[in-house]
Amino acid sequence: MPLVLALTEAPCLQLLDLSSPRLALDDHPSRLLCHALARNTTLKLLSLEGWTFRIEVESDSLAVFSELLRYTSVRELSLCNARLHLAVHEGPLARLGRRDDAGAELLRAAPPPACPAIVFLRLAGFQVTVNDRLALRGPLLLPFLAGFTSLSELDLSLDKSTIGGSSGSLLFIDDKILQQFFCCLAAHFRSLQSLRINFWRVTLEDSDRTMRQIAKQLKLCSLSFLRANGLIVTDSAKRVQMEHVFVQTILTHLQCLTWLCLDGVELTETQATSIGKCVRDRYPGTTLEISAKDIHVRSVKALVTAAEEGGRTEVVYTGGSSCRLKITKLQKGGRGKKK
């Protein structure tokens, strides 16, 4: 805490990395931290990765935190793997049942704070619990960020360690969650350039309808960079993997996409071929870079072969062992299109 309190006396401080998996703050020290950070007008990068905050909702700590976000000069904030534990003793949040929508109740209790300064926000592995019940993480956090009006880069990756964990620790992103996420993205984050959704586990019951719905929202987004490492997408009704269908929806409808990272995504040769054909025939841009590290070499070759078929695209390996592909659409004369 002495270091935190000294923030107000550091007029030249611009970068501060206090990452630690062992730091835990209760109400009072959390408020002191917020007050100190709000008074520092030079700080531009702040990392509190791994911290744990234990807050009483009935106290004024959330209001103090909202005030910090409104007046901070920080442009890059990292709360990766941090934990926010909310204790609620009164009202609807205190009576949440297993089937109740904790996110909706939280939005009613604590509307999205305004934050005009932060441009880069990293929330990979960040979790919010309400009375020891895990309530928010990954895509469920997005509605609470609607007031971050300057966001250019956002990381909502899930914790990789939960991929192979028990079913109780996993977040299964269903049709409703996925549609709400992209609807919110299109409505409030049209200037967002970079999004990370690593290790999302999507399970859909009506995949055709859901893909049609998110396609409409993707057309309204300005994303140019998408990282989806370790993505898992399953059609629970048909009991088939459909990562390739999700990727094709992204490729077809994100009008500004130029960089796509699919490291570790399990693709069969047939699925990779369909992605290659999609890039060749339906990708709206002229140049696309794909990172395909840890994808089976046969699948990568199938993607490249399909993309190059017909001579309409040129694929160049640019990343060596990291398996980076640069795909350029060609004019009939063989030259790349001019932007």
Protein backbone atom coordinates (compact mmCIF):
# COMPACT_ATOMS: atom_id res chain seq x y z
CA MET A 1 0.00 0.00 0.00
CA PRO A 2 2.81 2.53 0.54
CA LEU A 3 3.62 2.20 -3.16
CA VAL A 4 -0.02 2.76 -4.07
CA LEU A 5 -0.27 5.85 -1.89
CA ALA A 6 2.93 7.19 -3.45
CA LEU A 7 1.27 7.26 -6.88
CA THR A 8 0.04 10.78 -6.23
CA GLU A 9 3.63 11.89 -5.62
CA ALA A 10 5.01 10.47 -8.89
CA PRO A 11 4.44 13.21 -11.49
CA CYS A 12 6.59 11.51 -14.16
CA LEU A 13 5.31 7.94 -13.82
CA GLN A 14 3.91 6.60 -17.10
CA LEU A 15 4.22 2.79 -16.90
CA LEU A 16 3.34 0.71 -13.84
CA ASP A 17 3.32 -3.10 -13.78
CA LEU A 18 2.15 -4.51 -10.44
CA SER A 19 1.20 -7.96 -11.72
CA SER A 20 0.89 -10.51 -8.93
CA PRO A 21 -1.25 -13.62 -8.35
CA ARG A 22 -1.04 -13.16 -4.58
CA LEU A 23 -2.32 -9.64 -3.98
CA ALA A 24 -5.83 -9.34 -2.53
CA LEU A 25 -7.53 -6.08 -1.56
CA ASP A 26 -10.69 -5.61 0.46
CA ASP A 27 -13.00 -2.59 0.35
CA HIS A 28 -10.92 0.06 2.07
CA PRO A 29 -7.57 -0.55 0.32
CA SER A 30 -9.42 -0.87 -3.01
CA ARG A 31 -10.86 2.61 -2.52
CA LEU A 32 -7.43 3.98 -1.59
CA LEU A 33 -6.00 2.47 -4.77
CA CYS A 34 -8.72 4.04 -6.93
CA HIS A 35 -8.29 7.46 -5.33
CA ALA A 36 -4.51 7.33 -5.80
CA LEU A 37 -4.77 6.27 -9.44
CA ALA A 38 -7.37 8.94 -10.18
CA ARG A 39 -5.03 11.64 -8.87
CA ASN A 40 -2.13 10.51 -11.04
CA THR A 41 -2.45 12.33 -14.36
CA THR A 42 0.67 11.00 -16.11
CA LEU A 43 0.16 7.23 -15.90
CA LYS A 44 -0.53 5.69 -19.32
CA LEU A 45 -0.04 1.94 -18.81
CA LEU A 46 -1.22 0.02 -15.76
CA SER A 47 -1.12 -3.72 -15.13
CA LEU A 48 -2.85 -5.27 -12.13
CA GLU A 49 -2.79 -8.79 -13.56
CA GLY A 50 -3.69 -11.51 -11.10
CA TRP A 51 -5.01 -9.19 -8.38
CA THR A 52 -8.07 -10.09 -6.31
CA PHE A 53 -10.57 -7.46 -5.21
CA ARG A 54 -13.19 -8.22 -2.55
CA ILE A 55 -15.92 -5.59 -2.62
CA GLU A 56 -19.09 -5.03 -0.61
CA VAL A 57 -21.69 -3.86 -3.12
CA GLU A 58 -23.48 -1.85 -0.43
CA SER A 59 -20.31 0.20 0.15
CA ASP A 60 -19.24 3.02 -2.17
CA SER A 61 -16.31 1.10 -3.67
CA LEU A 62 -18.02 0.52 -7.03
CA ALA A 63 -18.85 4.23 -7.26
CA VAL A 64 -15.22 5.09 -6.53
CA PHE A 65 -14.09 2.66 -9.22
CA SER A 66 -16.51 4.23 -11.71
CA GLU A 67 -15.10 7.65 -10.87
CA LEU A 68 -11.58 6.36 -11.51
CA LEU A 69 -12.57 5.09 -14.96
CA ARG A 70 -14.22 8.40 -15.79
CA TYR A 71 -11.19 10.54 -14.95
CA THR A 72 -8.17 8.28 -15.45
CA SER A 73 -5.41 9.15 -17.90
CA VAL A 74 -4.48 5.48 -18.35
CA ARG A 75 -4.65 4.36 -21.97
CA GLU A 76 -3.72 0.70 -21.51
CA LEU A 77 -5.14 -1.36 -18.64
CA SER A 78 -4.48 -5.03 -18.01
CA LEU A 79 -6.56 -7.03 -15.54
CA CYS A 80 -5.76 -10.44 -16.99
CA ASN A 81 -6.54 -13.28 -14.58
CA ALA A 82 -7.73 -10.80 -11.95
CA ARG A 83 -10.72 -11.59 -9.75
CA LEU A 84 -13.51 -9.30 -8.59
CA HIS A 85 -15.53 -10.83 -5.76
CA LEU A 86 -18.74 -8.97 -5.01
CA ALA A 87 -20.52 -9.54 -1.71
CA VAL A 88 -24.20 -8.60 -1.82
CA HIS A 89 -26.43 -8.71 1.24
CA GLU A 90 -29.61 -7.03 0.01
CA GLY A 91 -31.76 -6.80 -3.11
CA PRO A 92 -32.22 -9.11 -6.12
CA LEU A 93 -28.51 -9.89 -6.42
CA ALA A 94 -28.51 -11.35 -2.93
CA ARG A 95 -31.28 -13.75 -3.91
CA LEU A 96 -29.93 -15.04 -7.21
CA GLY A 97 -30.84 -18.61 -8.04
CA ARG A 98 -28.91 -20.98 -10.27
CA ARG A 99 -31.02 -20.15 -13.31
CA ASP A 100 -31.14 -16.39 -12.76
CA ASP A 101 -29.23 -14.12 -15.12
CA ALA A 102 -26.54 -12.64 -12.89
CA GLY A 103 -25.29 -10.40 -15.69
CA ALA A 104 -28.68 -8.78 -16.23
CA GLU A 105 -29.12 -8.17 -12.51
CA LEU A 106 -25.63 -6.68 -12.28
CA LEU A 107 -26.38 -4.33 -15.17
CA ARG A 108 -29.46 -3.11 -13.35
CA ALA A 109 -27.53 -2.66 -10.12
CA ALA A 110 -24.39 -1.15 -11.67
CA PRO A 111 -24.83 0.44 -15.13
CA PRO A 112 -21.74 0.50 -17.40
CA PRO A 113 -19.26 3.15 -16.22
CA ALA A 114 -18.06 5.87 -18.58
CA CYS A 115 -14.42 5.56 -19.58
CA PRO A 116 -13.25 7.84 -22.40
CA ALA A 117 -9.48 7.35 -21.97
CA ILE A 118 -8.69 3.63 -22.10
CA VAL A 119 -7.76 2.44 -25.59
CA PHE A 120 -6.28 -1.00 -24.86
CA LEU A 121 -8.12 -3.23 -22.39
CA ARG A 122 -6.92 -6.72 -21.52
CA LEU A 123 -9.36 -8.91 -19.59
CA ALA A 124 -8.16 -12.41 -20.50
CA GLY A 125 -9.13 -14.74 -17.67
CA PHE A 126 -10.78 -11.92 -15.70
CA GLN A 127 -13.72 -13.14 -13.59
CA VAL A 128 -16.49 -11.57 -11.53
CA THR A 129 -18.24 -13.52 -8.79
CA VAL A 130 -21.37 -12.57 -6.86
CA ASN A 131 -21.63 -14.12 -3.41
CA ASP A 132 -19.09 -16.77 -4.45
CA ARG A 133 -21.04 -17.60 -7.60
CA LEU A 134 -19.09 -17.15 -10.83
CA ALA A 135 -21.14 -14.63 -12.80
CA LEU A 136 -19.11 -12.90 -15.50
CA ARG A 137 -16.15 -13.72 -17.75
CA GLY A 138 -15.26 -13.67 -21.42
CA PRO A 139 -18.18 -12.60 -23.64
CA LEU A 140 -20.43 -11.90 -20.65
CA LEU A 141 -18.25 -8.91 -19.73
CA LEU A 142 -18.91 -6.97 -22.93
CA PRO A 143 -22.16 -5.17 -21.93
CA PHE A 144 -20.35 -3.67 -18.93
CA LEU A 145 -17.77 -2.07 -21.25
CA ALA A 146 -20.21 -0.04 -23.34
CA GLY A 147 -18.93 3.17 -21.75
CA PHE A 148 -15.36 2.55 -22.96
CA THR A 149 -15.86 4.80 -25.96
CA SER A 150 -12.22 4.91 -27.14
CA LEU A 151 -11.47 1.19 -27.16
CA SER A 152 -9.31 0.05 -30.05
CA GLU A 153 -8.09 -3.28 -28.66
CA LEU A 154 -9.98 -5.68 -26.38
CA ASP A 155 -9.00 -9.06 -24.98
CA LEU A 156 -11.87 -11.21 -23.66
CA SER A 157 -10.08 -14.54 -23.87
CA LEU A 158 -11.07 -17.25 -21.45
CA ASP A 159 -8.65 -19.00 -19.15
CA LYS A 160 -6.81 -21.70 -21.07
CA SER A 161 -6.55 -23.87 -17.97
CA THR A 162 -10.33 -24.39 -17.92
CA ILE A 163 -10.40 -25.99 -21.37
CA GLY A 164 -9.64 -29.40 -19.97
CA GLY A 165 -11.18 -28.78 -16.58
CA SER A 166 -14.38 -30.07 -15.07
CA SER A 167 -17.67 -29.16 -16.74
CA GLY A 168 -18.51 -26.95 -13.76
CA SER A 169 -15.52 -24.69 -14.44
CA LEU A 170 -16.20 -24.28 -18.15
CA LEU A 171 -18.19 -21.49 -19.75
CA PHE A 172 -20.24 -22.97 -22.57
CA ILE A 173 -21.14 -20.10 -24.89
CA ASP A 174 -24.58 -20.92 -26.25
CA ASP A 175 -26.66 -19.40 -29.05
CA LYS A 176 -28.05 -16.65 -26.84
CA ILE A 177 -24.70 -15.57 -25.40
CA LEU A 178 -23.01 -15.55 -28.81
CA GLN A 179 -25.78 -13.55 -30.47
CA GLN A 180 -25.93 -11.06 -27.61
CA PHE A 181 -22.16 -10.63 -27.73
CA PHE A 182 -22.02 -9.73 -31.42
CA CYS A 183 -25.15 -7.58 -31.13
CA CYS A 184 -23.48 -5.59 -28.34
CA LEU A 185 -20.23 -5.45 -30.30
CA ALA A 186 -21.99 -3.95 -33.32
CA ALA A 187 -24.03 -1.51 -31.24
CA HIS A 188 -21.32 -0.08 -28.97
CA PHE A 189 -17.89 -1.00 -30.36
CA ARG A 190 -17.94 -0.11 -34.04
CA SER A 191 -14.52 1.56 -33.79
CA LEU A 192 -12.89 -1.50 -32.18
CA GLN A 193 -9.96 -2.68 -34.31
CA SER A 194 -8.61 -5.71 -32.45
CA LEU A 195 -10.44 -8.47 -30.57
CA ARG A 196 -9.10 -11.56 -28.83
CA ILE A 197 -11.45 -14.45 -28.05
CA ASN A 198 -8.90 -17.17 -27.34
CA PHE A 199 -10.11 -20.46 -25.86
CA TRP A 200 -13.80 -19.74 -26.27
CA ARG A 201 -15.91 -22.89 -26.13
CA VAL A 202 -19.08 -22.39 -28.19
CA THR A 203 -21.94 -24.90 -28.12
CA LEU A 204 -24.88 -24.15 -30.42
CA GLU A 205 -28.29 -25.77 -30.71
CA ASP A 206 -29.49 -23.82 -33.76
CA SER A 207 -26.21 -23.11 -35.49
CA ASP A 208 -27.66 -22.08 -38.86
CA ARG A 209 -29.87 -19.39 -37.35
CA THR A 210 -27.14 -18.19 -35.01
CA MET A 211 -24.62 -17.84 -37.84
CA ARG A 212 -27.16 -15.83 -39.86
CA GLN A 213 -27.80 -13.53 -36.92
CA ILE A 214 -24.16 -12.82 -36.10
CA ALA A 215 -23.39 -12.32 -39.81
CA LYS A 216 -25.71 -9.29 -39.77
CA GLN A 217 -23.85 -7.81 -36.80
CA LEU A 218 -20.38 -8.51 -38.17
CA LYS A 219 -21.10 -6.31 -41.19
CA LEU A 220 -21.41 -3.35 -38.81
CA CYS A 221 -18.05 -3.94 -37.11
CA SER A 222 -14.65 -2.49 -38.05
CA LEU A 223 -12.46 -5.29 -36.72
CA SER A 224 -9.25 -5.75 -38.66
CA PHE A 225 -7.50 -8.11 -36.22
CA LEU A 226 -9.10 -11.19 -34.67
CA ARG A 227 -7.30 -13.74 -32.53
CA ALA A 228 -9.24 -16.95 -31.82
CA ASN A 229 -6.58 -19.38 -30.62
CA GLY A 230 -7.86 -22.70 -29.31
CA LEU A 231 -11.42 -21.95 -30.43
CA ILE A 232 -13.93 -24.79 -30.08
CA VAL A 233 -17.34 -24.60 -31.80
CA THR A 234 -19.80 -27.48 -31.59
CA ASP A 235 -23.24 -28.05 -33.07
CA SER A 236 -24.86 -29.88 -30.16
CA ALA A 237 -27.93 -30.88 -32.19
CA LYS A 238 -25.93 -32.49 -34.99
CA ARG A 239 -23.06 -33.47 -32.70
CA VAL A 240 -20.41 -32.18 -35.07
CA GLN A 241 -17.53 -29.73 -34.84
CA MET A 242 -18.11 -26.53 -36.79
CA GLU A 243 -15.15 -24.27 -36.16
CA HIS A 244 -14.81 -23.90 -39.92
CA VAL A 245 -18.38 -22.59 -40.25
CA PHE A 246 -17.75 -19.94 -37.60
CA VAL A 247 -14.47 -18.94 -39.26
CA GLN A 248 -16.16 -18.72 -42.67
CA THR A 249 -18.85 -16.45 -41.21
CA ILE A 250 -16.11 -14.21 -39.84
CA LEU A 251 -14.18 -14.18 -43.13
CA THR A 252 -17.24 -13.41 -45.22
CA HIS A 253 -18.84 -10.65 -43.17
CA LEU A 254 -16.04 -8.78 -41.38
CA GLN A 255 -15.45 -6.18 -44.07
CA CYS A 256 -12.15 -4.82 -42.68
CA LEU A 257 -10.49 -8.04 -41.52
CA THR A 258 -6.81 -8.29 -42.50
CA TRP A 259 -5.34 -10.55 -39.78
CA LEU A 260 -6.81 -13.77 -38.36
CA CYS A 261 -5.11 -15.96 -35.78
CA LEU A 262 -6.34 -19.55 -35.48
CA ASP A 263 -3.41 -21.10 -33.60
CA GLY A 264 -4.31 -24.47 -32.13
CA VAL A 265 -7.77 -24.70 -33.69
CA GLU A 266 -8.47 -28.32 -34.63
CA LEU A 267 -9.39 -28.44 -38.31
CA THR A 268 -9.77 -31.49 -40.51
CA GLU A 269 -8.51 -31.35 -44.09
CA THR A 270 -12.09 -31.03 -45.32
CA GLN A 271 -12.83 -28.16 -42.95
CA ALA A 272 -9.60 -26.40 -43.88
CA THR A 273 -10.45 -26.80 -47.56
CA SER A 274 -13.80 -25.08 -47.02
CA ILE A 275 -12.02 -22.18 -45.29
CA GLY A 276 -9.59 -21.89 -48.20
CA LYS A 277 -12.47 -21.78 -50.67
CA CYS A 278 -14.18 -19.13 -48.56
CA VAL A 279 -11.07 -16.94 -48.63
CA ARG A 280 -10.82 -17.41 -52.38
CA ASP A 281 -14.46 -16.78 -53.24
CA ARG A 282 -16.08 -14.77 -50.45
CA TYR A 283 -13.46 -12.84 -48.50
CA PRO A 284 -14.21 -9.15 -49.24
CA GLY A 285 -10.68 -7.82 -48.81
CA THR A 286 -7.56 -8.02 -50.95
CA THR A 287 -4.91 -9.19 -48.45
CA LEU A 288 -5.34 -11.47 -45.46
CA GLU A 289 -2.77 -12.86 -43.05
CA ILE A 290 -3.61 -16.06 -41.19
CA SER A 291 -1.65 -17.55 -38.31
CA ALA A 292 -2.11 -21.32 -38.31
CA LYS A 293 0.42 -22.50 -35.74
CA ASP A 294 -0.31 -25.91 -34.19
CA ILE A 295 -2.83 -26.77 -36.90
CA HIS A 296 -2.07 -30.09 -38.57
CA VAL A 297 0.22 -29.62 -41.55
CA ARG A 298 -2.15 -31.51 -43.86
CA SER A 299 -4.97 -29.17 -42.96
CA VAL A 300 -2.79 -26.12 -43.62
CA LYS A 301 -1.80 -27.53 -47.01
CA ALA A 302 -5.46 -28.21 -47.80
CA LEU A 303 -6.35 -24.61 -46.96
CA VAL A 304 -3.56 -23.26 -49.16
CA THR A 305 -4.43 -25.56 -52.08
CA ALA A 306 -8.09 -24.54 -51.99
CA ALA A 307 -7.26 -20.85 -51.74
CA GLU A 308 -4.87 -20.98 -54.71
CA GLU A 309 -7.12 -23.10 -56.91
CA GLY A 310 -8.07 -21.23 -60.05
CA GLY A 311 -5.18 -18.78 -59.78
CA ARG A 312 -7.22 -16.05 -58.13
CA THR A 313 -5.11 -15.84 -54.98
CA GLU A 314 -1.45 -16.09 -54.07
CA VAL A 315 -0.37 -17.63 -50.75
CA VAL A 316 3.04 -16.92 -49.26
CA TYR A 317 4.47 -18.50 -46.10
CA THR A 318 5.80 -15.62 -44.01
CA GLY A 319 6.17 -17.05 -40.51
CA GLY A 320 8.35 -20.14 -40.68
CA SER A 321 7.65 -22.38 -37.67
CA SER A 322 4.86 -20.04 -36.55
CA CYS A 323 3.03 -20.90 -39.80
CA ARG A 324 1.96 -17.48 -40.98
CA LEU A 325 0.21 -17.28 -44.33
CA LYS A 326 -0.18 -14.14 -46.40
CA ILE A 327 -3.02 -14.51 -48.88
CA THR A 328 -3.37 -11.95 -51.65
CA LYS A 329 -6.18 -11.83 -54.17
CA LEU A 330 -4.98 -11.43 -57.75
CA GLN A 331 -6.38 -9.61 -60.71
CA LYS A 332 -6.87 -11.50 -63.94
CA GLY A 333 -3.47 -10.30 -65.10
CA GLY A 334 -1.86 -11.89 -62.04
CA ARG A 335 -1.12 -8.74 -60.08
CA GLY A 336 -2.53 -8.02 -56.66
CA LYS A 337 -5.42 -5.63 -56.47
CA LYS A 338 -4.63 -2.09 -55.58
CA LYS A 339 -6.16 -0.86 -52.36
